[in-house]
Amino acid sequence: MHRTANREPKGKGWVSCAVGVEGMMCKPDQVEEAIELFKIAYEVFPDMVALNQVAIGYEVIGEKHKAADYFARLKQHAERENNDIYTRAAAAGLARC
């Protein structure tokens, strides 16, 4: 991720994020790599943080249907653990998608 209002990021492959503040940029191939790593992390240790990162990653690169699937999984997980913060975060993510 890159955000600097007064200069473009260096290197190739930078694009504007599908969501976020103006000027936020990412490299979709690296976001996709991070998504895959967070999926593996969730398989090893099922933690809501990993689900949230996968959902946000998909949202950032504009894959709203996949993001919505992971926000729904996050909401279910958070409700099972009675975690109000992540339940609300998942609901907000679903609303955006």
PDB file of N, CA and C in Angstrom:
ATOM      1  N   MET A   1       0.852  -1.168   0.000  1.00  0.00           N
ATOM      2  CA  MET A   1       0.000   0.000   0.000  1.00  0.00           C
ATOM      3  C   MET A   1       0.899   1.233   0.000  1.00  0.00           C
ATOM      4  N   HIS A   2       0.383   2.282  -0.605  1.00  0.00           N
ATOM      5  CA  HIS A   2       1.150   3.521  -0.691  1.00  0.00           C
ATOM      6  C   HIS A   2       0.181   4.695  -0.627  1.00  0.00           C
ATOM      7  N   ARG A   3       0.519   5.672   0.164  1.00  0.00           N
ATOM      8  CA  ARG A   3      -0.269   6.903   0.171  1.00  0.00           C
ATOM      9  C   ARG A   3       0.641   8.075   0.475  1.00  0.00           C
ATOM     10  N   THR A   4       0.919   8.827  -0.532  1.00  0.00           N
ATOM     11  CA  THR A   4       1.640  10.079  -0.389  1.00  0.00           C
ATOM     12  C   THR A   4       0.982  11.057  -1.343  1.00  0.00           C
ATOM     13  N   ALA A   5       0.460  12.126  -0.807  1.00  0.00           N
ATOM     14  CA  ALA A   5      -0.311  13.067  -1.615  1.00  0.00           C
ATOM     15  C   ALA A   5       0.533  13.802  -2.644  1.00  0.00           C
ATOM     16  N   ASN A   6       1.808  13.997  -2.367  1.00  0.00           N
ATOM     17  CA  ASN A   6       2.604  14.862  -3.244  1.00  0.00           C
ATOM     18  C   ASN A   6       3.507  14.117  -4.219  1.00  0.00           C
ATOM     19  N   ARG A   7       3.460  12.783  -4.246  1.00  0.00           N
ATOM     20  CA  ARG A   7       4.284  12.069  -5.232  1.00  0.00           C
ATOM     21  C   ARG A   7       3.715  10.695  -5.525  1.00  0.00           C
ATOM     22  N   GLU A   8       3.973  10.236  -6.714  1.00  0.00           N
ATOM     23  CA  GLU A   8       3.557   8.901  -7.142  1.00  0.00           C
ATOM     24  C   GLU A   8       4.523   7.865  -6.554  1.00  0.00           C
ATOM     25  N   PRO A   9       4.064   6.643  -6.341  1.00  0.00           N
ATOM     26  CA  PRO A   9       4.986   5.612  -5.861  1.00  0.00           C
ATOM     27  C   PRO A   9       5.975   5.227  -6.957  1.00  0.00           C
ATOM     28  N   LYS A  10       7.136   4.770  -6.551  1.00  0.00           N
ATOM     29  CA  LYS A  10       8.159   4.356  -7.511  1.00  0.00           C
ATOM     30  C   LYS A  10       7.919   2.901  -7.896  1.00  0.00           C
ATOM     31  N   GLY A  11       8.356   2.550  -9.073  1.00  0.00           N
ATOM     32  CA  GLY A  11       8.217   1.175  -9.541  1.00  0.00           C
ATOM     33  C   GLY A  11       6.981   0.992 -10.394  1.00  0.00           C
ATOM     34  N   LYS A  12       6.848  -0.219 -10.937  1.00  0.00           N
ATOM     35  CA  LYS A  12       5.735  -0.521 -11.836  1.00  0.00           C
ATOM     36  C   LYS A  12       4.666  -1.317 -11.111  1.00  0.00           C
ATOM     37  N   GLY A  13       3.450  -1.243 -11.644  1.00  0.00           N
ATOM     38  CA  GLY A  13       2.365  -2.074 -11.131  1.00  0.00           C
ATOM     39  C   GLY A  13       1.441  -1.404 -10.140  1.00  0.00           C
ATOM     40  N   TRP A  14       1.694  -0.150  -9.802  1.00  0.00           N
ATOM     41  CA  TRP A  14       0.854   0.546  -8.834  1.00  0.00           C
ATOM     42  C   TRP A  14      -0.449   0.997  -9.496  1.00  0.00           C
ATOM     43  N   VAL A  15      -1.568   0.760  -8.832  1.00  0.00           N
ATOM     44  CA  VAL A  15      -2.875   1.213  -9.300  1.00  0.00           C
ATOM     45  C   VAL A  15      -3.641   1.798  -8.114  1.00  0.00           C
ATOM     46  N   SER A  16      -4.637   2.599  -8.421  1.00  0.00           N
ATOM     47  CA  SER A  16      -5.484   3.135  -7.349  1.00  0.00           C
ATOM     48  C   SER A  16      -6.288   2.007  -6.732  1.00  0.00           C
ATOM     49  N   CYS A  17      -6.429   2.041  -5.423  1.00  0.00           N
ATOM     50  CA  CYS A  17      -7.238   1.044  -4.732  1.00  0.00           C
ATOM     51  C   CYS A  17      -8.703   1.236  -5.097  1.00  0.00           C
ATOM     52  N   ALA A  18      -9.448   0.151  -5.103  1.00  0.00           N
ATOM     53  CA  ALA A  18     -10.876   0.218  -5.430  1.00  0.00           C
ATOM     54  C   ALA A  18     -11.654   0.936  -4.335  1.00  0.00           C
ATOM     55  N   VAL A  19     -11.166   0.886  -3.120  1.00  0.00           N
ATOM     56  CA  VAL A  19     -11.801   1.563  -1.977  1.00  0.00           C
ATOM     57  C   VAL A  19     -10.735   2.307  -1.198  1.00  0.00           C
ATOM     58  N   GLY A  20     -11.161   3.208  -0.363  1.00  0.00           N
ATOM     59  CA  GLY A  20     -10.214   3.938   0.472  1.00  0.00           C
ATOM     60  C   GLY A  20     -10.158   5.396   0.092  1.00  0.00           C
ATOM     61  N   VAL A  21      -9.293   6.092   0.740  1.00  0.00           N
ATOM     62  CA  VAL A  21      -9.159   7.523   0.507  1.00  0.00           C
ATOM     63  C   VAL A  21      -8.481   7.776  -0.839  1.00  0.00           C
ATOM     64  N   GLU A  22      -8.716   8.941  -1.384  1.00  0.00           N
ATOM     65  CA  GLU A  22      -8.098   9.298  -2.653  1.00  0.00           C
ATOM     66  C   GLU A  22      -6.578   9.312  -2.491  1.00  0.00           C
ATOM     67  N   GLY A  23      -5.910   8.765  -3.472  1.00  0.00           N
ATOM     68  CA  GLY A  23      -4.458   8.712  -3.424  1.00  0.00           C
ATOM     69  C   GLY A  23      -3.916   7.395  -2.903  1.00  0.00           C
ATOM     70  N   MET A  24      -4.778   6.541  -2.350  1.00  0.00           N
ATOM     71  CA  MET A  24      -4.339   5.232  -1.850  1.00  0.00           C
ATOM     72  C   MET A  24      -4.092   4.330  -3.049  1.00  0.00           C
ATOM     73  N   MET A  25      -2.911   3.750  -3.096  1.00  0.00           N
ATOM     74  CA  MET A  25      -2.528   2.905  -4.219  1.00  0.00           C
ATOM     75  C   MET A  25      -2.022   1.565  -3.718  1.00  0.00           C
ATOM     76  N   CYS A  26      -2.086   0.563  -4.581  1.00  0.00           N
ATOM     77  CA  CYS A  26      -1.598  -0.768  -4.222  1.00  0.00           C
ATOM     78  C   CYS A  26      -1.069  -1.465  -5.474  1.00  0.00           C
ATOM     79  N   LYS A  27      -0.400  -2.567  -5.239  1.00  0.00           N
ATOM     80  CA  LYS A  27       0.034  -3.453  -6.312  1.00  0.00           C
ATOM     81  C   LYS A  27      -0.851  -4.699  -6.198  1.00  0.00           C
ATOM     82  N   PRO A  28      -1.822  -4.854  -7.100  1.00  0.00           N
ATOM     83  CA  PRO A  28      -2.768  -5.960  -6.980  1.00  0.00           C
ATOM     84  C   PRO A  28      -2.126  -7.336  -6.849  1.00  0.00           C
ATOM     85  N   ASP A  29      -1.034  -7.583  -7.554  1.00  0.00           N
ATOM     86  CA  ASP A  29      -0.386  -8.888  -7.458  1.00  0.00           C
ATOM     87  C   ASP A  29       0.144  -9.139  -6.048  1.00  0.00           C
ATOM     88  N   GLN A  30       0.629  -8.109  -5.401  1.00  0.00           N
ATOM     89  CA  GLN A  30       1.123  -8.278  -4.034  1.00  0.00           C
ATOM     90  C   GLN A  30      -0.027  -8.398  -3.032  1.00  0.00           C
ATOM     91  N   VAL A  31      -1.135  -7.704  -3.310  1.00  0.00           N
ATOM     92  CA  VAL A  31      -2.319  -7.847  -2.452  1.00  0.00           C
ATOM     93  C   VAL A  31      -2.831  -9.281  -2.555  1.00  0.00           C
ATOM     94  N   GLU A  32      -2.891  -9.820  -3.766  1.00  0.00           N
ATOM     95  CA  GLU A  32      -3.341 -11.199  -3.954  1.00  0.00           C
ATOM     96  C   GLU A  32      -2.423 -12.189  -3.236  1.00  0.00           C
ATOM     97  N   GLU A  33      -1.132 -11.940  -3.256  1.00  0.00           N
ATOM     98  CA  GLU A  33      -0.180 -12.797  -2.536  1.00  0.00           C
ATOM     99  C   GLU A  33      -0.444 -12.729  -1.032  1.00  0.00           C
ATOM    100  N   ALA A  34      -0.689 -11.529  -0.518  1.00  0.00           N
ATOM    101  CA  ALA A  34      -0.990 -11.364   0.905  1.00  0.00           C
ATOM    102  C   ALA A  34      -2.284 -12.082   1.271  1.00  0.00           C
ATOM    103  N   ILE A  35      -3.283 -12.006   0.398  1.00  0.00           N
ATOM    104  CA  ILE A  35      -4.547 -12.695   0.643  1.00  0.00           C
ATOM    105  C   ILE A  35      -4.299 -14.189   0.816  1.00  0.00           C
ATOM    106  N   GLU A  36      -3.532 -14.774  -0.088  1.00  0.00           N
ATOM    107  CA  GLU A  36      -3.248 -16.208  -0.012  1.00  0.00           C
ATOM    108  C   GLU A  36      -2.514 -16.565   1.279  1.00  0.00           C
ATOM    109  N   LEU A  37      -1.600 -15.712   1.698  1.00  0.00           N
ATOM    110  CA  LEU A  37      -0.874 -15.978   2.942  1.00  0.00           C
ATOM    111  C   LEU A  37      -1.798 -15.882   4.161  1.00  0.00           C
ATOM    112  N   PHE A  38      -2.727 -14.929   4.158  1.00  0.00           N
ATOM    113  CA  PHE A  38      -3.677 -14.833   5.269  1.00  0.00           C
ATOM    114  C   PHE A  38      -4.648 -16.010   5.277  1.00  0.00           C
ATOM    115  N   LYS A  39      -4.987 -16.547   4.108  1.00  0.00           N
ATOM    116  CA  LYS A  39      -5.829 -17.741   4.055  1.00  0.00           C
ATOM    117  C   LYS A  39      -5.112 -18.920   4.703  1.00  0.00           C
ATOM    118  N   ILE A  40      -3.841 -19.066   4.393  1.00  0.00           N
ATOM    119  CA  ILE A  40      -3.040 -20.137   4.999  1.00  0.00           C
ATOM    120  C   ILE A  40      -2.953 -19.932   6.503  1.00  0.00           C
ATOM    121  N   ALA A  41      -2.724 -18.697   6.912  1.00  0.00           N
ATOM    122  CA  ALA A  41      -2.643 -18.400   8.346  1.00  0.00           C
ATOM    123  C   ALA A  41      -3.942 -18.778   9.047  1.00  0.00           C
ATOM    124  N   TYR A  42      -5.077 -18.525   8.415  1.00  0.00           N
ATOM    125  CA  TYR A  42      -6.368 -18.856   9.018  1.00  0.00           C
ATOM    126  C   TYR A  42      -6.543 -20.365   9.147  1.00  0.00           C
ATOM    127  N   GLU A  43      -6.041 -21.112   8.172  1.00  0.00           N
ATOM    128  CA  GLU A  43      -6.109 -22.575   8.250  1.00  0.00           C
ATOM    129  C   GLU A  43      -5.282 -23.101   9.419  1.00  0.00           C
ATOM    130  N   VAL A  44      -4.127 -22.494   9.645  1.00  0.00           N
ATOM    131  CA  VAL A  44      -3.246 -22.923  10.728  1.00  0.00           C
ATOM    132  C   VAL A  44      -3.811 -22.511  12.084  1.00  0.00           C
ATOM    133  N   PHE A  45      -4.260 -21.265  12.170  1.00  0.00           N
ATOM    134  CA  PHE A  45      -4.805 -20.747  13.425  1.00  0.00           C
ATOM    135  C   PHE A  45      -6.013 -19.870  13.090  1.00  0.00           C
ATOM    136  N   PRO A  46      -7.232 -20.428  13.212  1.00  0.00           N
ATOM    137  CA  PRO A  46      -8.433 -19.689  12.808  1.00  0.00           C
ATOM    138  C   PRO A  46      -8.702 -18.461  13.674  1.00  0.00           C
ATOM    139  N   ASP A  47      -8.185 -17.346  13.229  1.00  0.00           N
ATOM    140  CA  ASP A  47      -8.314 -16.095  13.961  1.00  0.00           C
ATOM    141  C   ASP A  47      -9.060 -15.083  13.094  1.00  0.00           C
ATOM    142  N   MET A  48      -9.902 -14.277  13.721  1.00  0.00           N
ATOM    143  CA  MET A  48     -10.711 -13.292  12.994  1.00  0.00           C
ATOM    144  C   MET A  48      -9.855 -12.269  12.256  1.00  0.00           C
ATOM    145  N   VAL A  49      -8.691 -11.970  12.762  1.00  0.00           N
ATOM    146  CA  VAL A  49      -7.820 -10.984  12.121  1.00  0.00           C
ATOM    147  C   VAL A  49      -7.475 -11.429  10.702  1.00  0.00           C
ATOM    148  N   ALA A  50      -7.182 -12.707  10.535  1.00  0.00           N
ATOM    149  CA  ALA A  50      -6.839 -13.222   9.211  1.00  0.00           C
ATOM    150  C   ALA A  50      -8.036 -13.109   8.263  1.00  0.00           C
ATOM    151  N   LEU A  51      -9.232 -13.468   8.724  1.00  0.00           N
ATOM    152  CA  LEU A  51     -10.422 -13.334   7.882  1.00  0.00           C
ATOM    153  C   LEU A  51     -10.645 -11.885   7.480  1.00  0.00           C
ATOM    154  N   ASN A  52     -10.456 -10.989   8.421  1.00  0.00           N
ATOM    155  CA  ASN A  52     -10.624  -9.562   8.146  1.00  0.00           C
ATOM    156  C   ASN A  52      -9.630  -9.095   7.081  1.00  0.00           C
ATOM    157  N   GLN A  53      -8.400  -9.542   7.168  1.00  0.00           N
ATOM    158  CA  GLN A  53      -7.378  -9.131   6.203  1.00  0.00           C
ATOM    159  C   GLN A  53      -7.688  -9.673   4.802  1.00  0.00           C
ATOM    160  N   VAL A  54      -8.198 -10.901   4.730  1.00  0.00           N
ATOM    161  CA  VAL A  54      -8.576 -11.464   3.434  1.00  0.00           C
ATOM    162  C   VAL A  54      -9.711 -10.640   2.825  1.00  0.00           C
ATOM    163  N   ALA A  55     -10.730 -10.351   3.636  1.00  0.00           N
ATOM    164  CA  ALA A  55     -11.875  -9.582   3.151  1.00  0.00           C
ATOM    165  C   ALA A  55     -11.449  -8.191   2.679  1.00  0.00           C
ATOM    166  N   ILE A  56     -10.637  -7.523   3.470  1.00  0.00           N
ATOM    167  CA  ILE A  56     -10.176  -6.186   3.104  1.00  0.00           C
ATOM    168  C   ILE A  56      -9.301  -6.244   1.853  1.00  0.00           C
ATOM    169  N   GLY A  57      -8.468  -7.259   1.741  1.00  0.00           N
ATOM    170  CA  GLY A  57      -7.631  -7.411   0.553  1.00  0.00           C
ATOM    171  C   GLY A  57      -8.473  -7.512  -0.709  1.00  0.00           C
ATOM    172  N   TYR A  58      -9.483  -8.363  -0.664  1.00  0.00           N
ATOM    173  CA  TYR A  58     -10.365  -8.489  -1.827  1.00  0.00           C
ATOM    174  C   TYR A  58     -11.087  -7.183  -2.115  1.00  0.00           C
ATOM    175  N   GLU A  59     -11.494  -6.495  -1.073  1.00  0.00           N
ATOM    176  CA  GLU A  59     -12.185  -5.217  -1.251  1.00  0.00           C
ATOM    177  C   GLU A  59     -11.264  -4.189  -1.913  1.00  0.00           C
ATOM    178  N   VAL A  60     -10.020  -4.143  -1.488  1.00  0.00           N
ATOM    179  CA  VAL A  60      -9.044  -3.176  -2.013  1.00  0.00           C
ATOM    180  C   VAL A  60      -8.801  -3.370  -3.504  1.00  0.00           C
ATOM    181  N   ILE A  61      -8.798  -4.629  -3.955  1.00  0.00           N
ATOM    182  CA  ILE A  61      -8.539  -4.864  -5.380  1.00  0.00           C
ATOM    183  C   ILE A  61      -9.838  -4.930  -6.194  1.00  0.00           C
ATOM    184  N   GLY A  62     -10.962  -4.650  -5.536  1.00  0.00           N
ATOM    185  CA  GLY A  62     -12.225  -4.521  -6.259  1.00  0.00           C
ATOM    186  C   GLY A  62     -13.017  -5.799  -6.458  1.00  0.00           C
ATOM    187  N   GLU A  63     -12.654  -6.863  -5.762  1.00  0.00           N
ATOM    188  CA  GLU A  63     -13.395  -8.123  -5.882  1.00  0.00           C
ATOM    189  C   GLU A  63     -14.439  -8.189  -4.771  1.00  0.00           C
ATOM    190  N   LYS A  64     -15.526  -7.437  -4.980  1.00  0.00           N
ATOM    191  CA  LYS A  64     -16.525  -7.251  -3.929  1.00  0.00           C
ATOM    192  C   LYS A  64     -17.256  -8.533  -3.547  1.00  0.00           C
ATOM    193  N   HIS A  65     -17.513  -9.424  -4.505  1.00  0.00           N
ATOM    194  CA  HIS A  65     -18.222 -10.660  -4.174  1.00  0.00           C
ATOM    195  C   HIS A  65     -17.376 -11.538  -3.244  1.00  0.00           C
ATOM    196  N   LYS A  66     -16.093 -11.646  -3.549  1.00  0.00           N
ATOM    197  CA  LYS A  66     -15.207 -12.429  -2.683  1.00  0.00           C
ATOM    198  C   LYS A  66     -15.059 -11.753  -1.328  1.00  0.00           C
ATOM    199  N   ALA A  67     -14.949 -10.423  -1.332  1.00  0.00           N
ATOM    200  CA  ALA A  67     -14.855  -9.690  -0.069  1.00  0.00           C
ATOM    201  C   ALA A  67     -16.099  -9.941   0.777  1.00  0.00           C
ATOM    202  N   ALA A  68     -17.274  -9.888   0.147  1.00  0.00           N
ATOM    203  CA  ALA A  68     -18.527 -10.109   0.879  1.00  0.00           C
ATOM    204  C   ALA A  68     -18.565 -11.507   1.482  1.00  0.00           C
ATOM    205  N   ASP A  69     -18.077 -12.507   0.762  1.00  0.00           N
ATOM    206  CA  ASP A  69     -18.034 -13.871   1.305  1.00  0.00           C
ATOM    207  C   ASP A  69     -17.195 -13.925   2.572  1.00  0.00           C
ATOM    208  N   TYR A  70     -16.048 -13.268   2.547  1.00  0.00           N
ATOM    209  CA  TYR A  70     -15.170 -13.305   3.721  1.00  0.00           C
ATOM    210  C   TYR A  70     -15.684 -12.422   4.846  1.00  0.00           C
ATOM    211  N   PHE A  71     -16.337 -11.305   4.525  1.00  0.00           N
ATOM    212  CA  PHE A  71     -16.954 -10.507   5.587  1.00  0.00           C
ATOM    213  C   PHE A  71     -18.077 -11.301   6.256  1.00  0.00           C
ATOM    214  N   ALA A  72     -18.818 -12.094   5.484  1.00  0.00           N
ATOM    215  CA  ALA A  72     -19.880 -12.936   6.058  1.00  0.00           C
ATOM    216  C   ALA A  72     -19.280 -13.996   6.984  1.00  0.00           C
ATOM    217  N   ARG A  73     -18.187 -14.621   6.556  1.00  0.00           N
ATOM    218  CA  ARG A  73     -17.503 -15.605   7.408  1.00  0.00           C
ATOM    219  C   ARG A  73     -16.980 -14.942   8.683  1.00  0.00           C
ATOM    220  N   LEU A  74     -16.439 -13.732   8.524  1.00  0.00           N
ATOM    221  CA  LEU A  74     -15.941 -12.992   9.681  1.00  0.00           C
ATOM    222  C   LEU A  74     -17.074 -12.698  10.654  1.00  0.00           C
ATOM    223  N   LYS A  75     -18.216 -12.295  10.132  1.00  0.00           N
ATOM    224  CA  LYS A  75     -19.365 -11.973  10.990  1.00  0.00           C
ATOM    225  C   LYS A  75     -19.799 -13.205  11.776  1.00  0.00           C
ATOM    226  N   GLN A  76     -19.890 -14.346  11.102  1.00  0.00           N
ATOM    227  CA  GLN A  76     -20.266 -15.589  11.786  1.00  0.00           C
ATOM    228  C   GLN A  76     -19.259 -15.940  12.879  1.00  0.00           C
ATOM    229  N   HIS A  77     -17.995 -15.845  12.552  1.00  0.00           N
ATOM    230  CA  HIS A  77     -16.925 -16.165  13.516  1.00  0.00           C
ATOM    231  C   HIS A  77     -17.005 -15.215  14.715  1.00  0.00           C
ATOM    232  N   ALA A  78     -17.160 -13.931  14.441  1.00  0.00           N
ATOM    233  CA  ALA A  78     -17.210 -12.934  15.515  1.00  0.00           C
ATOM    234  C   ALA A  78     -18.437 -13.139  16.404  1.00  0.00           C
ATOM    235  N   GLU A  79     -19.568 -13.482  15.803  1.00  0.00           N
ATOM    236  CA  GLU A  79     -20.775 -13.731  16.599  1.00  0.00           C
ATOM    237  C   GLU A  79     -20.603 -14.963  17.477  1.00  0.00           C
ATOM    238  N   ARG A  80     -19.956 -16.020  16.959  1.00  0.00           N
ATOM    239  CA  ARG A  80     -19.688 -17.220  17.760  1.00  0.00           C
ATOM    240  C   ARG A  80     -18.847 -16.889  18.983  1.00  0.00           C
ATOM    241  N   GLU A  81     -17.892 -15.960  18.807  1.00  0.00           N
ATOM    242  CA  GLU A  81     -17.001 -15.596  19.909  1.00  0.00           C
ATOM    243  C   GLU A  81     -17.502 -14.382  20.695  1.00  0.00           C
ATOM    244  N   ASN A  82     -18.693 -13.908  20.330  1.00  0.00           N
ATOM    245  CA  ASN A  82     -19.304 -12.761  21.019  1.00  0.00           C
ATOM    246  C   ASN A  82     -18.381 -11.541  21.001  1.00  0.00           C
ATOM    247  N   ASN A  83     -17.785 -11.275  19.827  1.00  0.00           N
ATOM    248  CA  ASN A  83     -16.857 -10.164  19.662  1.00  0.00           C
ATOM    249  C   ASN A  83     -17.577  -9.043  18.901  1.00  0.00           C
ATOM    250  N   ASP A  84     -18.040  -8.063  19.647  1.00  0.00           N
ATOM    251  CA  ASP A  84     -18.841  -6.983  19.073  1.00  0.00           C
ATOM    252  C   ASP A  84     -18.067  -6.142  18.065  1.00  0.00           C
ATOM    253  N   ILE A  85     -16.813  -5.885  18.314  1.00  0.00           N
ATOM    254  CA  ILE A  85     -16.004  -5.040  17.422  1.00  0.00           C
ATOM    255  C   ILE A  85     -15.915  -5.664  16.033  1.00  0.00           C
ATOM    256  N   TYR A  86     -15.538  -6.945  15.958  1.00  0.00           N
ATOM    257  CA  TYR A  86     -15.419  -7.597  14.655  1.00  0.00           C
ATOM    258  C   TYR A  86     -16.777  -7.857  14.033  1.00  0.00           C
ATOM    259  N   THR A  87     -17.822  -8.051  14.837  1.00  0.00           N
ATOM    260  CA  THR A  87     -19.170  -8.193  14.286  1.00  0.00           C
ATOM    261  C   THR A  87     -19.572  -6.917  13.564  1.00  0.00           C
ATOM    262  N   ARG A  88     -19.302  -5.778  14.195  1.00  0.00           N
ATOM    263  CA  ARG A  88     -19.626  -4.495  13.564  1.00  0.00           C
ATOM    264  C   ARG A  88     -18.741  -4.220  12.349  1.00  0.00           C
ATOM    265  N   ALA A  89     -17.462  -4.587  12.438  1.00  0.00           N
ATOM    266  CA  ALA A  89     -16.559  -4.405  11.298  1.00  0.00           C
ATOM    267  C   ALA A  89     -17.022  -5.234  10.104  1.00  0.00           C
ATOM    268  N   ALA A  90     -17.441  -6.459  10.362  1.00  0.00           N
ATOM    269  CA  ALA A  90     -17.932  -7.323   9.288  1.00  0.00           C
ATOM    270  C   ALA A  90     -19.211  -6.772   8.683  1.00  0.00           C
ATOM    271  N   ALA A  91     -20.113  -6.275   9.531  1.00  0.00           N
ATOM    272  CA  ALA A  91     -21.362  -5.694   9.041  1.00  0.00           C
ATOM    273  C   ALA A  91     -21.078  -4.474   8.166  1.00  0.00           C
ATOM    274  N   ALA A  92     -20.131  -3.641   8.577  1.00  0.00           N
ATOM    275  CA  ALA A  92     -19.755  -2.466   7.786  1.00  0.00           C
ATOM    276  C   ALA A  92     -19.159  -2.894   6.450  1.00  0.00           C
ATOM    277  N   GLY A  93     -18.328  -3.919   6.464  1.00  0.00           N
ATOM    278  CA  GLY A  93     -17.744  -4.430   5.228  1.00  0.00           C
ATOM    279  C   GLY A  93     -18.810  -4.982   4.291  1.00  0.00           C
ATOM    280  N   LEU A  94     -19.755  -5.717   4.850  1.00  0.00           N
ATOM    281  CA  LEU A  94     -20.855  -6.251   4.026  1.00  0.00           C
ATOM    282  C   LEU A  94     -21.676  -5.118   3.421  1.00  0.00           C
ATOM    283  N   ALA A  95     -21.892  -4.073   4.173  1.00  0.00           N
ATOM    284  CA  ALA A  95     -22.659  -2.926   3.667  1.00  0.00           C
ATOM    285  C   ALA A  95     -21.928  -2.254   2.500  1.00  0.00           C
ATOM    286  N   ARG A  96     -20.598  -2.194   2.567  1.00  0.00           N
ATOM    287  CA  ARG A  96     -19.818  -1.589   1.480  1.00  0.00           C
ATOM    288  C   ARG A  96     -19.848  -2.450   0.216  1.00  0.00           C
ATOM    289  N   CYS A  97     -19.950  -3.759   0.423  1.00  0.00           N
ATOM    290  CA  CYS A  97     -19.902  -4.687  -0.718  1.00  0.00           C
ATOM    291  C   CYS A  97     -21.265  -4.874  -1.334  1.00  0.00           C
TER     292      CYS A  97
END
